[in-house]
Amino acid sequence: MLTRLLGEAPQPVGDTEQRSYSVVLDPGEEVVEQLAAFAREEEITQASFQAIGGFQQTTLAYFNVETKTFDEIPVPEHQVEVLSLTGEITRDGEDPNVHIHAVLGRPDGSTLGGHLLRGVVRPVLIVTLTESAHRPGPHHR
């Protein structure tokens, strides 16, 4: 993972400066794990991000309101293109909570989307991440 601080806001957000980053994930890195590690390392408590790139192993899910669980969506393709990926990082105690939604492009041009549970990068994933002064509420309650 390669990271670069893109800039800091002139006005503080809480007790820290607002920062924006470019995070480039390499082949074989898992996006949820890497963004959680990055948030711990940079002491990010809340942020939003977007990304484009590709995955070789992917698990999506759909939140079932009735059961309050995630139903997995199979992604059988070995390679998919990340057409859109958006998400946020919040904290659950000391641990970062990485919440991601993705739209993936298949080789035949069709798409598949949902909550991203797992995505192994191939060939690259370029993430633009910005800290936020807004503290989002809990998801899927």
C-alpha atoms as a PDB file:
ATOM      1  CA  MET A   1       0.000   0.000   0.000  1.00  0.00           C
ATOM      2  CA  LEU A   2       1.293   3.401  -1.013  1.00  0.00           C
ATOM      3  CA  THR A   3      -0.183   6.470   0.675  1.00  0.00           C
ATOM      4  CA  ARG A   4       0.190  10.153   0.073  1.00  0.00           C
ATOM      5  CA  LEU A   5      -1.193  13.079   2.039  1.00  0.00           C
ATOM      6  CA  LEU A   6      -2.914  15.291  -0.536  1.00  0.00           C
ATOM      7  CA  GLY A   7      -3.551  18.219   1.777  1.00  0.00           C
ATOM      8  CA  GLU A   8      -4.822  19.552   5.075  1.00  0.00           C
ATOM      9  CA  ALA A   9      -7.791  21.858   5.566  1.00  0.00           C
ATOM     10  CA  PRO A  10      -6.947  25.285   6.963  1.00  0.00           C
ATOM     11  CA  GLN A  11      -9.591  24.915   9.678  1.00  0.00           C
ATOM     12  CA  PRO A  12      -9.485  22.208  12.325  1.00  0.00           C
ATOM     13  CA  VAL A  13     -11.972  19.343  12.398  1.00  0.00           C
ATOM     14  CA  GLY A  14     -12.515  18.589  16.059  1.00  0.00           C
ATOM     15  CA  ASP A  15      -9.070  18.385  17.639  1.00  0.00           C
ATOM     16  CA  THR A  16      -7.228  17.603  14.392  1.00  0.00           C
ATOM     17  CA  GLU A  17      -6.662  19.087  10.975  1.00  0.00           C
ATOM     18  CA  GLN A  18      -8.846  17.700   8.194  1.00  0.00           C
ATOM     19  CA  ARG A  19      -6.682  15.649   5.848  1.00  0.00           C
ATOM     20  CA  SER A  20      -7.165  14.148   2.379  1.00  0.00           C
ATOM     21  CA  TYR A  21      -5.189  11.145   1.154  1.00  0.00           C
ATOM     22  CA  SER A  22      -4.532   9.104  -1.939  1.00  0.00           C
ATOM     23  CA  VAL A  23      -4.193   5.433  -1.008  1.00  0.00           C
ATOM     24  CA  VAL A  24      -2.988   3.058  -3.729  1.00  0.00           C
ATOM     25  CA  LEU A  25      -3.516  -0.632  -2.997  1.00  0.00           C
ATOM     26  CA  ASP A  26      -1.342  -3.225  -4.721  1.00  0.00           C
ATOM     27  CA  PRO A  27      -2.242  -6.600  -6.245  1.00  0.00           C
ATOM     28  CA  GLY A  28      -3.134  -9.169  -3.584  1.00  0.00           C
ATOM     29  CA  GLU A  29      -4.035  -6.637  -0.866  1.00  0.00           C
ATOM     30  CA  GLU A  30      -7.508  -6.939   0.663  1.00  0.00           C
ATOM     31  CA  VAL A  31      -9.264  -3.556   0.677  1.00  0.00           C
ATOM     32  CA  VAL A  32     -11.238  -3.767   3.958  1.00  0.00           C
ATOM     33  CA  GLU A  33      -8.180  -4.932   5.935  1.00  0.00           C
ATOM     34  CA  GLN A  34      -5.881  -2.348   4.346  1.00  0.00           C
ATOM     35  CA  LEU A  35      -8.223   0.605   4.911  1.00  0.00           C
ATOM     36  CA  ALA A  36      -8.725  -0.438   8.550  1.00  0.00           C
ATOM     37  CA  ALA A  37      -4.936  -0.651   9.016  1.00  0.00           C
ATOM     38  CA  PHE A  38      -4.500   2.741   7.351  1.00  0.00           C
ATOM     39  CA  ALA A  39      -7.142   4.314   9.634  1.00  0.00           C
ATOM     40  CA  ARG A  40      -5.380   2.905  12.717  1.00  0.00           C
ATOM     41  CA  GLU A  41      -1.965   4.097  11.540  1.00  0.00           C
ATOM     42  CA  GLU A  42      -3.164   7.618  10.705  1.00  0.00           C
ATOM     43  CA  GLU A  43      -5.509   7.787  13.738  1.00  0.00           C
ATOM     44  CA  ILE A  44      -8.511   8.479  11.510  1.00  0.00           C
ATOM     45  CA  THR A  45     -11.780   8.269  13.416  1.00  0.00           C
ATOM     46  CA  GLN A  46     -14.177   9.210  10.620  1.00  0.00           C
ATOM     47  CA  ALA A  47     -13.726   9.583   6.889  1.00  0.00           C
ATOM     48  CA  SER A  48     -15.400   9.079   3.544  1.00  0.00           C
ATOM     49  CA  PHE A  49     -13.751   7.650   0.458  1.00  0.00           C
ATOM     50  CA  GLN A  50     -14.237   6.622  -3.140  1.00  0.00           C
ATOM     51  CA  ALA A  51     -12.155   4.372  -5.378  1.00  0.00           C
ATOM     52  CA  ILE A  52     -11.717   2.813  -8.802  1.00  0.00           C
ATOM     53  CA  GLY A  53      -9.636  -0.135  -9.948  1.00  0.00           C
ATOM     54  CA  GLY A  54     -10.098  -3.894 -10.013  1.00  0.00           C
ATOM     55  CA  PHE A  55     -10.583  -7.011  -7.867  1.00  0.00           C
ATOM     56  CA  GLN A  56      -9.710 -10.662  -8.393  1.00  0.00           C
ATOM     57  CA  GLN A  57     -11.620 -12.184  -5.450  1.00  0.00           C
ATOM     58  CA  THR A  58     -14.769 -10.451  -4.316  1.00  0.00           C
ATOM     59  CA  THR A  59     -17.618 -11.049  -1.902  1.00  0.00           C
ATOM     60  CA  LEU A  60     -20.629  -8.727  -1.967  1.00  0.00           C
ATOM     61  CA  ALA A  61     -23.714  -8.798   0.235  1.00  0.00           C
ATOM     62  CA  TYR A  62     -27.214  -7.387   0.521  1.00  0.00           C
ATOM     63  CA  PHE A  63     -28.523  -6.257   3.909  1.00  0.00           C
ATOM     64  CA  ASN A  64     -31.676  -8.207   4.731  1.00  0.00           C
ATOM     65  CA  VAL A  65     -33.865  -5.855   6.774  1.00  0.00           C
ATOM     66  CA  GLU A  66     -36.074  -8.695   8.031  1.00  0.00           C
ATOM     67  CA  THR A  67     -33.266 -10.818   9.478  1.00  0.00           C
ATOM     68  CA  LYS A  68     -30.835  -7.938  10.112  1.00  0.00           C
ATOM     69  CA  THR A  69     -28.078  -9.982   8.478  1.00  0.00           C
ATOM     70  CA  PHE A  70     -26.069  -9.719   5.280  1.00  0.00           C
ATOM     71  CA  ASP A  71     -27.008 -12.193   2.533  1.00  0.00           C
ATOM     72  CA  GLU A  72     -23.940 -12.933   0.415  1.00  0.00           C
ATOM     73  CA  ILE A  73     -24.047 -12.267  -3.327  1.00  0.00           C
ATOM     74  CA  PRO A  74     -21.818 -14.640  -5.306  1.00  0.00           C
ATOM     75  CA  VAL A  75     -19.211 -13.028  -7.565  1.00  0.00           C
ATOM     76  CA  PRO A  76     -17.900 -16.012  -9.544  1.00  0.00           C
ATOM     77  CA  GLU A  77     -15.682 -14.012 -11.902  1.00  0.00           C
ATOM     78  CA  HIS A  78     -11.965 -14.184 -11.210  1.00  0.00           C
ATOM     79  CA  GLN A  79     -11.537 -10.575 -12.365  1.00  0.00           C
ATOM     80  CA  VAL A  80     -13.972  -7.645 -12.089  1.00  0.00           C
ATOM     81  CA  GLU A  81     -13.569  -3.938 -12.644  1.00  0.00           C
ATOM     82  CA  VAL A  82     -14.462  -1.571  -9.806  1.00  0.00           C
ATOM     83  CA  LEU A  83     -16.760   0.900 -11.558  1.00  0.00           C
ATOM     84  CA  SER A  84     -17.751   2.679  -8.359  1.00  0.00           C
ATOM     85  CA  LEU A  85     -16.722   2.165  -4.762  1.00  0.00           C
ATOM     86  CA  THR A  86     -17.829   4.467  -1.958  1.00  0.00           C
ATOM     87  CA  GLY A  87     -17.682   4.155   1.768  1.00  0.00           C
ATOM     88  CA  GLU A  88     -16.864   5.520   5.151  1.00  0.00           C
ATOM     89  CA  ILE A  89     -14.684   4.775   8.115  1.00  0.00           C
ATOM     90  CA  THR A  90     -16.045   5.199  11.624  1.00  0.00           C
ATOM     91  CA  ARG A  91     -14.889   3.835  14.971  1.00  0.00           C
ATOM     92  CA  ASP A  92     -16.412   1.034  16.982  1.00  0.00           C
ATOM     93  CA  GLY A  93     -14.552   1.664  20.223  1.00  0.00           C
ATOM     94  CA  GLU A  94     -10.884   1.619  19.246  1.00  0.00           C
ATOM     95  CA  ASP A  95     -11.343  -0.437  16.074  1.00  0.00           C
ATOM     96  CA  PRO A  96     -12.011   1.153  12.676  1.00  0.00           C
ATOM     97  CA  ASN A  97     -15.285   0.127  11.032  1.00  0.00           C
ATOM     98  CA  VAL A  98     -14.913   0.150   7.234  1.00  0.00           C
ATOM     99  CA  HIS A  99     -18.294   0.293   5.453  1.00  0.00           C
ATOM    100  CA  ILE A 100     -18.134  -0.055   1.654  1.00  0.00           C
ATOM    101  CA  HIS A 101     -20.608  -0.238  -1.217  1.00  0.00           C
ATOM    102  CA  ALA A 102     -19.399  -1.226  -4.688  1.00  0.00           C
ATOM    103  CA  VAL A 103     -20.599  -1.543  -8.266  1.00  0.00           C
ATOM    104  CA  LEU A 104     -18.532  -4.072 -10.195  1.00  0.00           C
ATOM    105  CA  GLY A 105     -18.223  -4.541 -13.951  1.00  0.00           C
ATOM    106  CA  ARG A 106     -18.173  -8.063 -15.357  1.00  0.00           C
ATOM    107  CA  PRO A 107     -16.317  -9.090 -18.534  1.00  0.00           C
ATOM    108  CA  ASP A 108     -19.622  -9.168 -20.488  1.00  0.00           C
ATOM    109  CA  GLY A 109     -20.423  -5.570 -19.485  1.00  0.00           C
ATOM    110  CA  SER A 110     -23.097  -6.429 -16.925  1.00  0.00           C
ATOM    111  CA  THR A 111     -22.809  -5.082 -13.391  1.00  0.00           C
ATOM    112  CA  LEU A 112     -23.240  -6.353  -9.872  1.00  0.00           C
ATOM    113  CA  GLY A 113     -23.427  -4.251  -6.735  1.00  0.00           C
ATOM    114  CA  GLY A 114     -23.850  -4.359  -3.004  1.00  0.00           C
ATOM    115  CA  HIS A 115     -22.100  -4.107   0.326  1.00  0.00           C
ATOM    116  CA  LEU A 116     -18.449  -5.118  -0.095  1.00  0.00           C
ATOM    117  CA  LEU A 117     -17.427  -7.774   2.417  1.00  0.00           C
ATOM    118  CA  ARG A 118     -14.116  -8.655   0.745  1.00  0.00           C
ATOM    119  CA  GLY A 119     -12.153  -7.491  -2.260  1.00  0.00           C
ATOM    120  CA  VAL A 120      -8.646  -8.609  -3.206  1.00  0.00           C
ATOM    121  CA  VAL A 121      -6.997  -6.024  -5.441  1.00  0.00           C
ATOM    122  CA  ARG A 122      -5.984  -6.791  -9.032  1.00  0.00           C
ATOM    123  CA  PRO A 123      -4.348  -4.931 -10.726  1.00  0.00           C
ATOM    124  CA  VAL A 124      -4.673  -1.781  -8.560  1.00  0.00           C
ATOM    125  CA  LEU A 125      -7.190   0.131  -6.448  1.00  0.00           C
ATOM    126  CA  ILE A 126      -6.841   3.897  -6.137  1.00  0.00           C
ATOM    127  CA  VAL A 127      -8.675   5.322  -3.116  1.00  0.00           C
ATOM    128  CA  THR A 128      -9.246   9.008  -2.371  1.00  0.00           C
ATOM    129  CA  LEU A 129     -10.029   9.406   1.340  1.00  0.00           C
ATOM    130  CA  THR A 130     -11.046  12.545   3.241  1.00  0.00           C
ATOM    131  CA  GLU A 131     -11.540  12.927   6.971  1.00  0.00           C
ATOM    132  CA  SER A 132     -14.956  14.202   7.978  1.00  0.00           C
ATOM    133  CA  ALA A 133     -16.174  16.480  10.736  1.00  0.00           C
ATOM    134  CA  HIS A 134     -19.581  14.763  10.499  1.00  0.00           C
ATOM    135  CA  ARG A 135     -20.023  11.721  12.708  1.00  0.00           C
ATOM    136  CA  PRO A 136     -22.335   9.277  10.906  1.00  0.00           C
ATOM    137  CA  GLY A 137     -24.803   7.212  12.888  1.00  0.00           C
ATOM    138  CA  PRO A 138     -24.685   3.422  13.202  1.00  0.00           C
ATOM    139  CA  HIS A 139     -25.567   1.390  10.121  1.00  0.00           C
ATOM    140  CA  HIS A 140     -28.457  -1.004   9.605  1.00  0.00           C
ATOM    141  CA  ARG A 141     -30.203  -0.732  12.935  1.00  0.00           C
END
